[in-house]
Protein backbone atom coordinates (compact mmCIF):
# COMPACT_ATOMS: atom_id res chain seq x y z
CA UNK A 1 0.00 0.00 0.00
CA UNK A 2 1.41 3.45 -0.95
CA UNK A 3 0.87 6.37 1.32
CA UNK A 4 0.96 9.99 0.20
CA UNK A 5 0.42 11.41 -3.24
CA UNK A 6 2.87 9.24 -5.05
CA UNK A 7 5.20 11.87 -6.46
CA UNK A 8 8.32 9.97 -5.47
CA UNK A 9 10.76 12.91 -5.65
CA UNK A 10 13.27 11.08 -3.51
CA UNK A 11 16.67 12.52 -2.69
CA UNK A 12 16.83 14.70 -5.79
CA UNK A 13 13.90 16.81 -4.68
CA UNK A 14 15.26 17.16 -1.16
CA UNK A 15 18.72 18.24 -2.39
CA UNK A 16 17.22 20.68 -4.89
CA UNK A 17 14.94 22.16 -2.22
CA UNK A 18 17.82 22.56 0.25
CA UNK A 19 20.00 24.20 -2.42
CA UNK A 20 17.26 26.63 -3.35
CA UNK A 21 16.72 27.52 0.30
CA UNK A 22 20.45 28.19 0.77
CA UNK A 23 20.56 30.34 -2.35
CA UNK A 24 17.52 32.33 -1.24
CA UNK A 25 18.70 32.98 2.33
CA UNK A 26 22.29 33.60 1.22
CA UNK A 27 21.10 36.13 -1.35
CA UNK A 28 18.93 37.82 1.22
CA UNK A 29 21.84 38.04 3.69
CA UNK A 30 24.14 39.41 0.94
CA UNK A 31 21.55 42.04 0.04
CA UNK A 32 21.20 43.10 3.69
CA UNK A 33 24.99 43.44 4.09
CA UNK A 34 25.28 45.34 0.79
CA UNK A 35 22.57 47.81 1.78
CA UNK A 36 24.01 48.24 5.27
CA UNK A 37 27.47 49.01 3.88
CA UNK A 38 26.19 51.36 1.20
CA UNK A 39 24.29 53.41 3.78
CA UNK A 40 27.46 53.81 5.86
CA UNK A 41 29.60 55.23 3.05
CA UNK A 42 30.48 58.89 2.98
CA UNK A 43 29.66 59.40 -0.71
CA UNK A 44 27.69 62.58 -0.32
CA UNK A 45 28.98 64.42 -3.36
CA UNK A 46 31.45 66.56 -1.44
CA UNK A 47 34.06 66.16 -4.16
CA UNK A 48 37.63 64.99 -3.81
CA UNK A 49 39.55 65.77 -0.67
CA UNK A 50 41.75 68.84 -0.85
CA UNK A 51 45.43 68.09 -1.33
CA UNK A 52 47.87 68.73 1.47
CA UNK A 53 50.33 71.59 1.56
CA UNK A 54 52.74 71.99 -1.33
CA UNK A 55 56.43 71.16 -1.01
CA UNK A 56 57.26 74.87 -0.89
CA UNK A 57 54.81 75.41 1.98
CA UNK A 58 56.25 72.52 3.95
CA UNK A 59 59.77 73.79 3.35
CA UNK A 60 58.80 77.31 4.44
CA UNK A 61 57.16 75.95 7.60
CA UNK A 62 60.26 73.92 8.49
CA UNK A 63 62.42 77.01 7.94
CA UNK A 64 60.10 79.14 10.08
CA UNK A 65 60.25 76.59 12.92
CA UNK A 66 64.03 76.61 12.74
CA UNK A 67 64.34 72.96 11.70
CA UNK A 68 66.54 73.82 8.70
CA UNK A 69 69.17 76.52 8.14
CA UNK A 70 69.03 79.36 5.63
CA UNK A 71 71.57 77.60 3.41
CA UNK A 72 69.59 74.34 3.44
CA UNK A 73 66.38 76.26 2.72
CA UNK A 74 67.84 78.00 -0.34
CA UNK A 75 69.43 74.76 -1.62
CA UNK A 76 66.14 72.92 -1.36
CA UNK A 77 64.30 75.76 -3.08
CA UNK A 78 66.76 75.49 -5.98
CA UNK A 79 66.08 71.75 -6.20
CA UNK A 80 62.35 72.41 -6.27
CA UNK A 81 62.91 74.92 -9.09
CA UNK A 82 64.81 72.27 -11.04
CA UNK A 83 68.35 73.54 -10.50
CA UNK A 84 71.06 71.30 -9.00
CA UNK A 85 71.46 71.52 -5.22
CA UNK A 86 75.13 72.54 -5.36
CA UNK A 87 74.35 75.88 -7.04
CA UNK A 88 75.74 75.05 -10.51
CA UNK A 89 73.42 75.91 -13.38
């Protein structure tokens, strides 16, 4: 005597059903993580970040603080202008 409706899906139906359930719940979890991360981003159209100080500004600040001598300051300015550091042109 056979009980049930007689479809006889067997193991194939069970494996397919389990795979579909994993795909569904995995996709739902991925979507939730994606939305959560996209809401936390700081993409608010503020434009690119402003660049830091130029090399000349940094050099002038170091000279003003007394970290480098007058000679070193002028040599480094020459290098920034494209001249050799030893003063030869």
